[in-house]
C-alpha cells in the first residue's frame, strides 16, 4: 500500500538511514574480517587460450539480472567453447544458455549493456549465420565491426546494419551508449565522422559533432542524466605540442558552454596526459592524470566538478607504481576501488596493488590493501550488490599469461526503489552499490511482460527521482541505472488504495 503524507525528502532520508542500520546490523559480526577478502563462494572459471604469449580478460560488464559478461582473448571457458566472449552467472559459473552465432567474431572493442537487456559488443559480423571468417582460404570482409545481441547471445535482427557507404567496416566503431539504446559511433579513417544511431540502428539527424582539425585522438565517455557526454581529446597546439583536454557535448553534439574547465588538464610539454575518466552521480568527473617520470608512468586520481572546476579538496595519494589500470570503480558512497601496477611485465617483479580511497581521496584504512604477485589487473568493476570483480591476466611463466577473474567481498550496499505517490518515484542508492550516472524509470501494467518508459531520473540529494507522473492504481515500476561498465536494475510493485 502507498498511502502516507510524509514529505518526500524526509521519507527518502528516513528510508536511507533505516537501510543503512539494517545492513549494518546484519553484517557487524563478520564485516571487518570480510571486506577486501577473496569471496569463497565465487566459482572462478577456468580458461583455455590461444597459442599466444598473453591471453586475458580485458573487459567485464554486469547485466540487470546479475549476469557477468566477460570479453578478452580465450577459446574455452570452464571447458566449454566460448571464443573471446562469454557470460557467467552471478556466482561465477558459466551461463551455458548464452551462445553467440558462428558468424560473429568478438574483438577488443567496447561493450555495453542496454536498458532493455540487449548488448552492444565490438565484433566483426560476417554474412549468414553459417558463414565463417574465412572463405576458400581468403579472408572474408565483415559487414560491420560492432553488433547488437540479445541477452541470450543471439543476433538482434531488429538492429539496422546498413549505413549507406559511411566507410570501410574495419574503420567503424561505437563509443558511447545511452540508456535508451542510442549510440555514438565513428565511421571512416584517418578522419572519422561522428554520428549518432537511433535505438533501432538507423542514422539519427539530431547529432552533429564536428571533429576539430587539430584533434589527434578523441575518446568518448559516459552519458550523464541530462543526455550529455564527456569527451577526452588530444589536440595539436601552436608549437606542435600535444594538449589533452576534457570537454562535454550536449545531446545535439554541440560543445556545452556551461562546462568551462578552469585548469588545463595537461600538455606533452609538461609531460602529462589524461588516462581513463568516469562520471560521478552529481555530474562531476573522476580522471587519471598521468605523468612521465624518468620514462615511467606515475599517475594520480583527480576530481572535477560538473562545471569543470578542479576539486582541490580531493587529495589522492600518488602511488609508487608504474601506472594505474584503465578502469577504477566508484561506489555510491563516494569511495573508489583503485589499482596500481608495479614491476612492469617482469615475471619476478610484476605485481598489482588493490586498495580503496575515501570520498576525499585519502586511503581508506577499513579496506585492507591487497598485493597480487605476477598478476596484471586490466580493470575492476562492481556487481549490483557491491562485490568487486577484478580481471586481467596472470603470468604462468616468463613468456605466458593466462586469463583470470576473481571476486572480493565488500561493504553492504543500499538499493531501495520507492513509489512515493501516484506522481513521484524515488531510487535510494548508497554504500558499496556501483555508482550510476544515468537512470530511467519504466512502468508495466501486465506483470512485467511489456514496459513503457516514464522518463529519465534526476539526481536529488539522497536519491534518483522522477516527479510529475500519473501512475495507474496498480502495477510495477522499474528503475534502470547505468554505471561505467554495466546496468543495474530494481523493480517495485505498487497498489494504491482508493480514497
Protein backbone atom coordinates (compact mmCIF):
# COMPACT_ATOMS: atom_id res chain seq x y z
CA UNK A 1 0.00 0.00 0.00
CA UNK A 2 1.18 3.53 -0.73
CA UNK A 3 -0.91 5.87 1.38
CA UNK A 4 1.01 8.33 3.56
CA UNK A 5 1.51 12.08 3.83
CA UNK A 6 5.14 12.40 4.91
CA UNK A 7 7.23 14.83 2.83
CA UNK A 8 9.09 13.00 0.08
CA UNK A 9 12.58 14.21 1.10
CA UNK A 10 12.01 13.27 4.74
CA UNK A 11 10.82 9.83 3.71
CA UNK A 12 13.82 9.30 1.43
CA UNK A 13 16.24 10.25 4.23
CA UNK A 14 14.40 8.01 6.71
CA UNK A 15 14.47 5.02 4.34
CA UNK A 16 18.17 5.50 3.59
CA UNK A 17 19.07 5.67 7.28
CA UNK A 18 16.91 2.62 8.07
CA UNK A 19 18.52 0.66 5.24
CA UNK A 20 21.99 1.50 6.49
CA UNK A 21 21.11 0.44 10.05
CA UNK A 22 19.57 -2.86 8.88
CA UNK A 23 22.53 -3.76 6.66
CA UNK A 24 24.99 -2.75 9.38
CA UNK A 25 23.26 -4.95 11.96
CA UNK A 26 23.28 -7.94 9.61
CA UNK A 27 26.96 -7.59 8.78
CA UNK A 28 28.52 -6.26 12.00
CA UNK A 29 29.73 -9.65 13.20
CA UNK A 30 31.76 -10.51 10.09
CA UNK A 31 32.17 -7.28 8.11
CA UNK A 32 35.64 -6.29 9.34
CA UNK A 33 37.12 -9.70 8.51
CA UNK A 34 35.48 -9.99 5.09
CA UNK A 35 35.89 -6.65 3.31
CA UNK A 36 38.52 -6.98 0.59
CA UNK A 37 38.92 -10.73 1.04
CA UNK A 38 38.52 -13.22 -1.84
CA UNK A 39 34.91 -14.42 -1.99
CA UNK A 40 34.95 -18.19 -1.34
CA UNK A 41 31.50 -18.55 -2.95
CA UNK A 42 32.70 -17.30 -6.35
CA UNK A 43 33.23 -20.20 -8.77
CA UNK A 44 36.31 -18.91 -10.54
CA UNK A 45 36.15 -20.05 -14.19
CA UNK A 46 38.99 -21.83 -15.97
CA UNK A 47 40.20 -20.83 -19.44
CA UNK A 48 41.72 -22.50 -22.49
CA UNK A 49 43.60 -19.95 -24.56
CA UNK A 50 45.14 -19.39 -27.94
CA UNK A 51 48.74 -20.31 -28.62
CA UNK A 52 49.97 -16.78 -27.94
CA UNK A 53 52.19 -15.23 -25.29
CA UNK A 54 49.47 -13.43 -23.37
CA UNK A 55 45.76 -14.12 -23.10
CA UNK A 56 43.49 -12.16 -20.79
CA UNK A 57 40.08 -10.95 -19.71
CA UNK A 58 40.06 -7.33 -20.88
CA UNK A 59 36.50 -6.16 -20.16
CA UNK A 60 33.65 -7.05 -17.83
CA UNK A 61 30.08 -5.72 -17.67
CA UNK A 62 27.26 -6.64 -15.31
CA UNK A 63 23.70 -7.13 -16.56
CA UNK A 64 20.36 -6.28 -14.98
CA UNK A 65 19.86 -9.91 -13.98
CA UNK A 66 23.19 -10.17 -12.19
CA UNK A 67 24.99 -11.94 -15.03
CA UNK A 68 28.67 -11.17 -15.71
CA UNK A 69 29.65 -10.59 -19.34
CA UNK A 70 33.38 -11.10 -19.99
CA UNK A 71 35.43 -10.35 -23.09
CA UNK A 72 39.08 -10.90 -23.93
CA UNK A 73 41.41 -13.40 -25.56
CA UNK A 74 40.39 -17.02 -24.91
CA UNK A 75 38.92 -20.07 -26.67
CA UNK A 76 37.13 -22.01 -23.92
CA UNK A 77 35.62 -21.10 -20.54
CA UNK A 78 35.06 -23.80 -17.92
CA UNK A 79 35.74 -26.45 -20.60
CA UNK A 80 33.07 -25.08 -22.97
CA UNK A 81 33.86 -23.38 -26.29
CA UNK A 82 33.46 -19.63 -25.91
CA UNK A 83 35.67 -17.60 -28.27
CA UNK A 84 36.57 -14.17 -26.80
CA UNK A 85 33.12 -13.62 -25.25
CA UNK A 86 31.21 -15.47 -22.53
CA UNK A 87 28.60 -14.85 -19.86
CA UNK A 88 28.92 -16.03 -16.28
CA UNK A 89 26.20 -16.47 -13.72
CA UNK A 90 26.26 -14.30 -10.60
CA UNK A 91 28.32 -16.92 -8.75
CA UNK A 92 30.97 -17.19 -11.49
CA UNK A 93 29.77 -20.41 -13.11
CA UNK A 94 29.38 -20.41 -16.89
CA UNK A 95 25.96 -19.43 -18.27
CA UNK A 96 25.56 -22.18 -20.86
CA UNK A 97 22.39 -20.56 -22.28
CA UNK A 98 24.40 -17.63 -23.64
CA UNK A 99 25.76 -18.56 -27.10
CA UNK A 100 26.73 -16.17 -29.90
CA UNK A 101 26.34 -17.10 -33.59
CA UNK A 102 29.24 -18.54 -35.60
CA UNK A 103 29.45 -15.53 -37.93
CA UNK A 104 30.23 -13.17 -35.04
CA UNK A 105 33.88 -12.78 -34.06
CA UNK A 106 34.29 -10.61 -30.91
CA UNK A 107 37.33 -8.35 -30.68
CA UNK A 108 38.75 -5.92 -28.13
CA UNK A 109 36.25 -3.16 -28.90
CA UNK A 110 33.90 -1.65 -26.30
CA UNK A 111 30.97 -3.45 -24.70
CA UNK A 112 27.78 -2.03 -23.19
CA UNK A 113 24.60 -3.39 -21.60
CA UNK A 114 21.46 -1.56 -22.74
CA UNK A 115 18.35 -0.77 -20.70
CA UNK A 116 16.27 -3.49 -22.39
CA UNK A 117 18.89 -6.16 -21.63
CA UNK A 118 20.37 -6.21 -25.12
CA UNK A 119 24.14 -5.91 -25.51
CA UNK A 120 26.40 -3.88 -27.78
CA UNK A 121 29.72 -5.59 -28.44
CA UNK A 122 32.79 -4.99 -30.55
CA UNK A 123 32.69 -7.88 -33.03
CA UNK A 124 33.23 -8.48 -36.71
CA UNK A 125 29.93 -9.57 -38.20
CA UNK A 126 30.17 -11.68 -41.36
CA UNK A 127 27.44 -12.93 -43.75
CA UNK A 128 24.86 -15.61 -42.84
CA UNK A 129 24.92 -17.43 -39.54
CA UNK A 130 26.66 -20.38 -41.21
CA UNK A 131 29.48 -18.18 -42.54
CA UNK A 132 32.99 -18.26 -41.10
CA UNK A 133 35.72 -15.59 -41.00
CA UNK A 134 37.45 -17.27 -43.98
CA UNK A 135 36.10 -18.13 -47.41
CA UNK A 136 38.09 -20.51 -49.66
CA UNK A 137 41.32 -19.55 -47.96
CA UNK A 138 40.66 -15.82 -48.34
CA UNK A 139 39.70 -13.52 -45.50
CA UNK A 140 36.05 -12.54 -45.70
CA UNK A 141 35.06 -8.88 -45.43
CA UNK A 142 32.90 -8.19 -42.36
CA UNK A 143 29.61 -6.35 -42.66
CA UNK A 144 30.27 -4.27 -39.52
CA UNK A 145 32.78 -4.26 -36.63
CA UNK A 146 30.11 -3.99 -33.91
CA UNK A 147 26.83 -5.74 -33.32
CA UNK A 148 23.84 -5.82 -31.01
CA UNK A 149 22.91 -9.15 -29.49
CA UNK A 150 20.05 -10.31 -27.32
CA UNK A 151 20.51 -11.27 -23.68
CA UNK A 152 20.98 -14.93 -24.70
CA UNK A 153 23.70 -14.10 -27.25
CA UNK A 154 21.64 -14.42 -30.43
CA UNK A 155 21.95 -11.69 -33.03
CA UNK A 156 19.36 -8.91 -32.74
CA UNK A 157 17.84 -8.82 -36.23
CA UNK A 158 15.89 -5.63 -35.46
CA UNK A 159 19.15 -3.66 -35.39
CA UNK A 160 19.80 -1.94 -38.74
CA UNK A 161 23.24 -2.79 -40.09
CA UNK A 162 23.50 -0.77 -43.32
CA UNK A 163 24.73 2.81 -43.26
CA UNK A 164 24.83 3.94 -46.87
CA UNK A 165 28.55 3.81 -47.56
CA UNK A 166 29.85 5.61 -44.46
CA UNK A 167 33.19 3.85 -44.72
CA UNK A 168 35.12 0.61 -44.59
CA UNK A 169 33.69 -1.70 -41.89
CA UNK A 170 37.18 -2.01 -40.41
CA UNK A 171 37.13 1.75 -39.78
CA UNK A 172 33.93 1.99 -37.76
CA UNK A 173 33.17 1.60 -34.08
CA UNK A 174 30.77 2.72 -31.40
CA UNK A 175 31.92 4.76 -28.42
CA UNK A 176 29.07 5.59 -26.05
CA UNK A 177 25.68 4.01 -25.30
CA UNK A 178 22.67 5.88 -23.95
CA UNK A 179 20.17 4.11 -21.69
CA UNK A 180 17.54 4.46 -24.43
CA UNK A 181 19.73 2.38 -26.76
CA UNK A 182 21.05 5.18 -28.97
CA UNK A 183 24.79 5.12 -29.77
CA UNK A 184 27.61 7.48 -30.68
CA UNK A 185 29.67 5.89 -33.48
CA UNK A 186 32.56 6.73 -35.78
CA UNK A 187 32.91 5.90 -39.45
CA UNK A 188 35.98 6.35 -41.64
CA UNK A 189 39.74 6.67 -41.22
CA UNK A 190 42.00 8.61 -40.67
CA UNK A 191 39.44 11.40 -40.26
CA UNK A 192 36.39 9.67 -38.78
CA UNK A 193 32.88 11.04 -38.99
CA UNK A 194 30.99 11.06 -35.69
CA UNK A 195 27.36 10.03 -35.97
CA UNK A 196 24.51 9.04 -33.70
CA UNK A 197 22.46 5.90 -34.24
CA UNK A 198 18.86 5.61 -33.11
CA UNK A 199 17.91 2.67 -30.83
CA UNK A 200 16.96 0.64 -33.94
CA UNK A 201 20.39 1.26 -35.50
CA UNK A 202 19.26 3.80 -38.12
CA UNK A 203 21.17 7.04 -38.54
CA UNK A 204 19.89 9.95 -36.44
CA UNK A 205 19.80 13.51 -37.73
CA UNK A 206 19.81 15.31 -34.38
CA UNK A 207 23.52 14.91 -33.53
CA UNK A 208 26.22 16.95 -35.27
CA UNK A 209 29.72 16.84 -33.84
CA UNK A 210 32.47 18.34 -35.97
CA UNK A 211 35.85 16.87 -35.11
CA UNK A 212 38.32 19.76 -34.57
CA UNK A 213 41.01 19.76 -37.24
CA UNK A 214 43.74 19.87 -34.60
CA UNK A 215 42.37 16.84 -32.74
CA UNK A 216 44.63 13.82 -32.77
CA UNK A 217 42.52 11.36 -30.77
CA UNK A 218 39.03 11.55 -29.24
CA UNK A 219 37.68 9.26 -26.55
CA UNK A 220 34.00 9.33 -25.59
CA UNK A 221 32.93 8.54 -22.04
CA UNK A 222 29.56 8.17 -20.33
CA UNK A 223 26.25 9.92 -20.82
CA UNK A 224 25.03 11.88 -17.81
CA UNK A 225 21.46 12.28 -16.56
CA UNK A 226 20.89 15.19 -18.96
CA UNK A 227 21.96 13.24 -22.03
CA UNK A 228 25.34 14.99 -22.25
CA UNK A 229 28.51 13.04 -22.94
CA UNK A 230 32.06 13.62 -21.68
CA UNK A 231 34.87 13.54 -24.25
CA UNK A 232 38.64 13.47 -23.74
CA UNK A 233 40.61 14.84 -26.65
CA UNK A 234 44.27 15.07 -27.62
CA UNK A 235 44.93 18.17 -29.74
CA UNK A 236 47.92 19.64 -31.52
CA UNK A 237 48.95 23.06 -30.20
CA UNK A 238 50.56 26.04 -31.94
CA UNK A 239 54.01 24.72 -31.09
CA UNK A 240 53.11 21.22 -32.26
CA UNK A 241 52.83 20.07 -28.64
CA UNK A 242 50.06 17.69 -27.63
CA UNK A 243 47.35 19.26 -25.46
CA UNK A 244 45.00 16.99 -23.53
CA UNK A 245 41.59 18.33 -22.63
CA UNK A 246 38.18 17.24 -21.39
CA UNK A 247 35.01 18.68 -22.90
CA UNK A 248 31.32 17.96 -22.69
CA UNK A 249 28.86 17.69 -25.57
CA UNK A 250 25.15 18.46 -25.40
CA UNK A 251 22.61 15.93 -26.72
CA UNK A 252 22.80 17.53 -30.20
CA UNK A 253 26.60 17.20 -30.38
CA UNK A 254 27.47 20.85 -29.79
CA UNK A 255 30.02 21.79 -27.15
CA UNK A 256 28.46 22.55 -23.76
CA UNK A 257 29.24 26.19 -22.96
CA UNK A 258 28.43 25.66 -19.26
CA UNK A 259 31.39 23.27 -18.92
CA UNK A 260 34.42 25.55 -18.67
CA UNK A 261 37.45 23.86 -17.10
CA UNK A 262 39.44 26.36 -15.03
CA UNK A 263 42.52 24.17 -15.10
CA UNK A 264 44.22 22.81 -18.20
CA UNK A 265 44.32 19.05 -17.93
CA UNK A 266 47.84 18.95 -19.32
CA UNK A 267 50.22 19.15 -22.26
CA UNK A 268 53.01 16.94 -23.50
CA UNK A 269 55.40 19.82 -22.74
CA UNK A 270 54.86 19.35 -19.00
CA UNK A 271 54.82 15.56 -19.52
CA UNK A 272 51.22 14.90 -18.56
CA UNK A 273 48.24 13.24 -20.20
CA UNK A 274 44.77 12.04 -19.29
CA UNK A 275 44.05 8.40 -18.60
CA UNK A 276 40.57 6.98 -18.12
CA UNK A 277 37.74 9.11 -16.79
CA UNK A 278 34.43 8.33 -15.13
CA UNK A 279 31.34 10.34 -14.25
CA UNK A 280 30.11 10.80 -10.70
CA UNK A 281 26.38 10.74 -9.82
CA UNK A 282 26.44 14.52 -9.21
CA UNK A 283 27.82 15.19 -12.70
CA UNK A 284 31.43 15.60 -11.57
CA UNK A 285 34.29 13.74 -13.26
CA UNK A 286 36.98 11.47 -11.85
CA UNK A 287 40.00 11.17 -14.13
CA UNK A 288 43.54 9.82 -14.07
CA UNK A 289 46.31 12.36 -14.50
CA UNK A 290 49.39 10.51 -15.75
CA UNK A 291 52.89 11.95 -15.57
CA UNK A 292 56.02 10.56 -17.18
CA UNK A 293 58.83 10.40 -14.63
CA UNK A 294 62.15 9.05 -15.88
CA UNK A 295 60.41 7.04 -18.57
CA UNK A 296 57.83 5.54 -16.20
CA UNK A 297 54.18 6.39 -15.70
CA UNK A 298 53.19 7.98 -12.42
CA UNK A 299 49.50 8.65 -12.00
CA UNK A 300 47.13 10.41 -9.65
CA UNK A 301 43.35 10.39 -9.49
CA UNK A 302 41.73 13.84 -9.66
CA UNK A 303 38.16 15.13 -9.49
CA UNK A 304 36.47 17.88 -11.46
CA UNK A 305 33.10 19.46 -10.71
CA UNK A 306 30.15 19.36 -13.11
CA UNK A 307 31.13 22.89 -14.19
CA UNK A 308 34.75 21.93 -14.91
CA UNK A 309 36.47 23.19 -11.75
CA UNK A 310 39.22 21.09 -10.22
CA UNK A 311 38.21 19.93 -6.73
CA UNK A 312 41.20 20.96 -4.60
CA UNK A 313 39.70 19.20 -1.55
CA UNK A 314 40.14 15.84 -3.29
CA UNK A 315 43.71 14.81 -2.49
CA UNK A 316 44.52 11.30 -3.62
CA UNK A 317 47.97 9.81 -2.96
CA UNK A 318 50.46 9.34 -5.78
CA UNK A 319 51.26 5.62 -5.81
CA UNK A 320 54.84 4.49 -6.28
CA UNK A 321 53.90 2.07 -9.07
CA UNK A 322 54.35 2.18 -12.84
CA UNK A 323 50.82 3.37 -13.56
CA UNK A 324 47.13 2.83 -12.99
CA UNK A 325 44.85 0.36 -14.72
CA UNK A 326 42.48 1.57 -17.40
CA UNK A 327 39.47 1.49 -15.06
CA UNK A 328 38.59 2.20 -11.46
CA UNK A 329 35.30 1.58 -9.69
CA UNK A 330 33.20 4.23 -7.96
CA UNK A 331 30.78 3.31 -5.16
CA UNK A 332 27.60 5.23 -4.35
CA UNK A 333 29.09 6.35 -1.01
CA UNK A 334 31.89 8.08 -2.95
CA UNK A 335 34.59 5.54 -2.16
CA UNK A 336 36.78 4.37 -5.05
CA UNK A 337 38.37 0.96 -5.71
CA UNK A 338 41.79 1.60 -7.29
CA UNK A 339 44.53 -0.45 -8.96
CA UNK A 340 48.25 0.27 -9.19
CA UNK A 341 50.80 -1.68 -11.21
CA UNK A 342 54.41 -2.22 -10.15
CA UNK A 343 57.32 -4.13 -11.64
CA UNK A 344 56.33 -3.85 -15.31
CA UNK A 345 55.88 -7.19 -17.08
CA UNK A 346 58.83 -8.93 -15.46
CA UNK A 347 57.97 -12.42 -14.22
CA UNK A 348 59.92 -11.86 -10.99
CA UNK A 349 58.75 -8.34 -10.11
CA UNK A 350 55.29 -7.88 -11.64
CA UNK A 351 52.52 -7.13 -9.12
CA UNK A 352 49.30 -5.17 -8.71
CA UNK A 353 48.06 -3.33 -5.63
CA UNK A 354 44.32 -3.12 -4.92
CA UNK A 355 43.08 -0.57 -2.39
CA UNK A 356 40.23 1.86 -1.71
CA UNK A 357 40.07 5.63 -1.39
CA UNK A 358 37.61 7.60 0.71
CA UNK A 359 35.42 10.19 -0.99
CA UNK A 360 38.04 12.89 -0.25
CA UNK A 361 40.83 10.91 -1.92
CA UNK A 362 42.51 9.66 1.25
CA UNK A 363 43.37 5.99 1.76
CA UNK A 364 40.50 4.02 3.32
CA UNK A 365 42.03 2.05 6.25
CA UNK A 366 38.92 -0.18 6.53
CA UNK A 367 39.77 -1.82 3.19
CA UNK A 368 42.96 -3.88 3.51
CA UNK A 369 45.45 -3.19 0.73
CA UNK A 370 45.99 -6.28 -1.44
CA UNK A 371 49.08 -7.13 -3.48
CA UNK A 372 48.77 -9.73 -6.24
CA UNK A 373 52.09 -11.14 -7.47
CA UNK A 374 52.60 -11.89 -11.17
CA UNK A 375 49.09 -10.64 -11.95
CA UNK A 376 48.17 -7.70 -14.16
CA UNK A 377 44.64 -6.49 -13.46
CA UNK A 378 43.17 -4.93 -16.61
CA UNK A 379 40.25 -3.47 -14.72
CA UNK A 380 37.79 -3.55 -11.84
CA UNK A 381 34.01 -3.36 -11.73
CA UNK A 382 31.28 -3.74 -9.12
CA UNK A 383 28.40 -6.18 -9.14
CA UNK A 384 24.93 -4.81 -8.26
CA UNK A 385 25.41 -5.91 -4.61
CA UNK A 386 28.77 -4.11 -4.39
CA UNK A 387 31.03 -7.15 -4.64
CA UNK A 388 34.26 -6.44 -6.51
CA UNK A 389 35.29 -8.15 -9.76
CA UNK A 390 38.97 -8.00 -10.73
CA UNK A 391 40.02 -9.24 -14.16
CA UNK A 392 43.14 -9.45 -16.29
CA UNK A 393 45.93 -11.97 -16.75
CA UNK A 394 48.24 -13.96 -14.52
CA UNK A 395 51.78 -14.90 -15.58
CA UNK A 396 52.28 -18.66 -15.51
CA UNK A 397 55.80 -18.37 -16.99
CA UNK A 398 58.14 -15.52 -18.02
CA UNK A 399 56.61 -15.59 -21.53
CA UNK A 400 53.00 -16.61 -20.98
CA UNK A 401 49.95 -15.11 -19.31
CA UNK A 402 46.54 -16.70 -18.74
CA UNK A 403 43.10 -15.04 -18.25
CA UNK A 404 41.84 -14.58 -14.72
CA UNK A 405 38.78 -13.16 -12.96
CA UNK A 406 38.19 -13.18 -9.19
CA UNK A 407 35.73 -11.59 -6.76
CA UNK A 408 36.37 -9.73 -3.50
CA UNK A 409 33.89 -9.13 -0.71
CA UNK A 410 32.77 -5.58 0.02
CA UNK A 411 30.73 -3.49 2.44
CA UNK A 412 26.90 -3.73 2.30
CA UNK A 413 25.03 -1.67 -0.28
CA UNK A 414 21.79 0.34 -0.17
CA UNK A 415 19.40 -0.21 -3.08
CA UNK A 416 15.77 0.75 -2.41
CA UNK A 417 13.13 1.70 -5.00
CA UNK A 418 10.10 3.55 -3.59
CA UNK A 419 6.82 4.60 -5.17
CA UNK A 420 6.13 7.71 -3.10
CA UNK A 421 2.77 8.57 -4.66
CA UNK A 422 0.96 8.41 -7.98
CA UNK A 423 3.07 11.35 -9.06
CA UNK A 424 6.59 10.50 -7.88
CA UNK A 425 9.09 7.66 -7.55
CA UNK A 426 12.49 7.53 -5.86
CA UNK A 427 15.52 5.23 -6.07
CA UNK A 428 17.70 5.36 -2.97
CA UNK A 429 21.27 4.12 -3.52
CA UNK A 430 24.24 4.11 -1.17
CA UNK A 431 27.04 2.14 0.45
CA UNK A 432 29.10 -0.08 -1.86
CA UNK A 433 26.48 -0.14 -4.63
CA UNK A 434 28.00 0.78 -8.00
CA UNK A 435 27.52 4.49 -8.68
CA UNK A 436 25.15 5.20 -11.57
CA UNK A 437 25.20 8.37 -13.64
CA UNK A 438 22.02 7.96 -15.67
CA UNK A 439 18.69 6.41 -14.65
CA UNK A 440 15.46 5.61 -16.44
CA UNK A 441 12.13 4.71 -14.84
CA UNK A 442 9.62 2.43 -16.60
CA UNK A 443 6.09 1.17 -15.94
CA UNK A 444 4.46 -2.21 -16.51
CA UNK A 445 0.75 -2.99 -16.06
CA UNK A 446 0.96 -6.59 -17.34
CA UNK A 447 3.24 -8.20 -14.73
CA UNK A 448 6.46 -7.20 -16.49
CA UNK A 449 5.64 -8.57 -19.95
CA UNK A 450 5.93 -5.11 -21.52
CA UNK A 451 7.38 -1.86 -20.23
CA UNK A 452 6.69 1.79 -21.01
CA UNK A 453 9.36 4.40 -20.34
CA UNK A 454 8.32 7.03 -17.80
CA UNK A 455 11.40 9.22 -18.22
CA UNK A 456 14.96 9.83 -17.11
CA UNK A 457 15.56 10.37 -13.39
CA UNK A 458 17.02 13.48 -11.79
CA UNK A 459 19.69 13.20 -9.13
CA UNK A 460 18.48 14.60 -5.81
CA UNK A 461 20.43 14.94 -2.59
CA UNK A 462 19.61 11.45 -1.38
CA UNK A 463 18.20 9.59 -4.40
CA UNK A 464 17.31 9.49 -8.09
CA UNK A 465 13.82 10.91 -8.53
CA UNK A 466 11.10 11.36 -11.13
CA UNK A 467 8.06 13.52 -10.50
CA UNK A 468 5.01 14.72 -12.40
CA UNK A 469 3.76 11.20 -13.11
CA UNK A 470 0.22 9.85 -13.44
CA UNK A 471 0.58 6.26 -12.27
CA UNK A 472 -2.33 3.80 -12.52
CA UNK A 473 -3.87 2.23 -9.39
CA UNK A 474 -1.56 -0.80 -9.59
CA UNK A 475 1.45 -2.09 -11.49
CA UNK A 476 5.24 -2.40 -11.48
CA UNK A 477 7.83 0.38 -11.59
CA UNK A 478 11.36 -0.40 -12.76
CA UNK A 479 14.46 1.73 -12.23
CA UNK A 480 17.45 1.13 -14.53
CA UNK A 481 20.79 2.81 -13.94
CA UNK A 482 23.98 2.89 -15.98
CA UNK A 483 27.41 2.86 -14.41
CA UNK A 484 30.75 2.81 -16.18
CA UNK A 485 30.55 -0.77 -17.46
CA UNK A 486 27.07 -2.11 -16.90
CA UNK A 487 23.44 -1.60 -15.93
CA UNK A 488 21.78 -2.16 -12.56
CA UNK A 489 18.06 -2.53 -12.03
CA UNK A 490 15.44 -2.54 -9.29
CA UNK A 491 11.71 -3.29 -9.53
CA UNK A 492 8.87 -2.32 -7.18
CA UNK A 493 5.24 -3.45 -7.12
CA UNK A 494 2.69 -0.80 -6.07
CA UNK A 495 -1.01 -0.73 -5.21
CA UNK A 496 -2.82 2.47 -4.27
CA UNK A 497 -5.87 2.38 -2.01
CA UNK A 498 -8.98 4.05 -3.31
CA UNK A 499 -9.73 7.21 -1.32
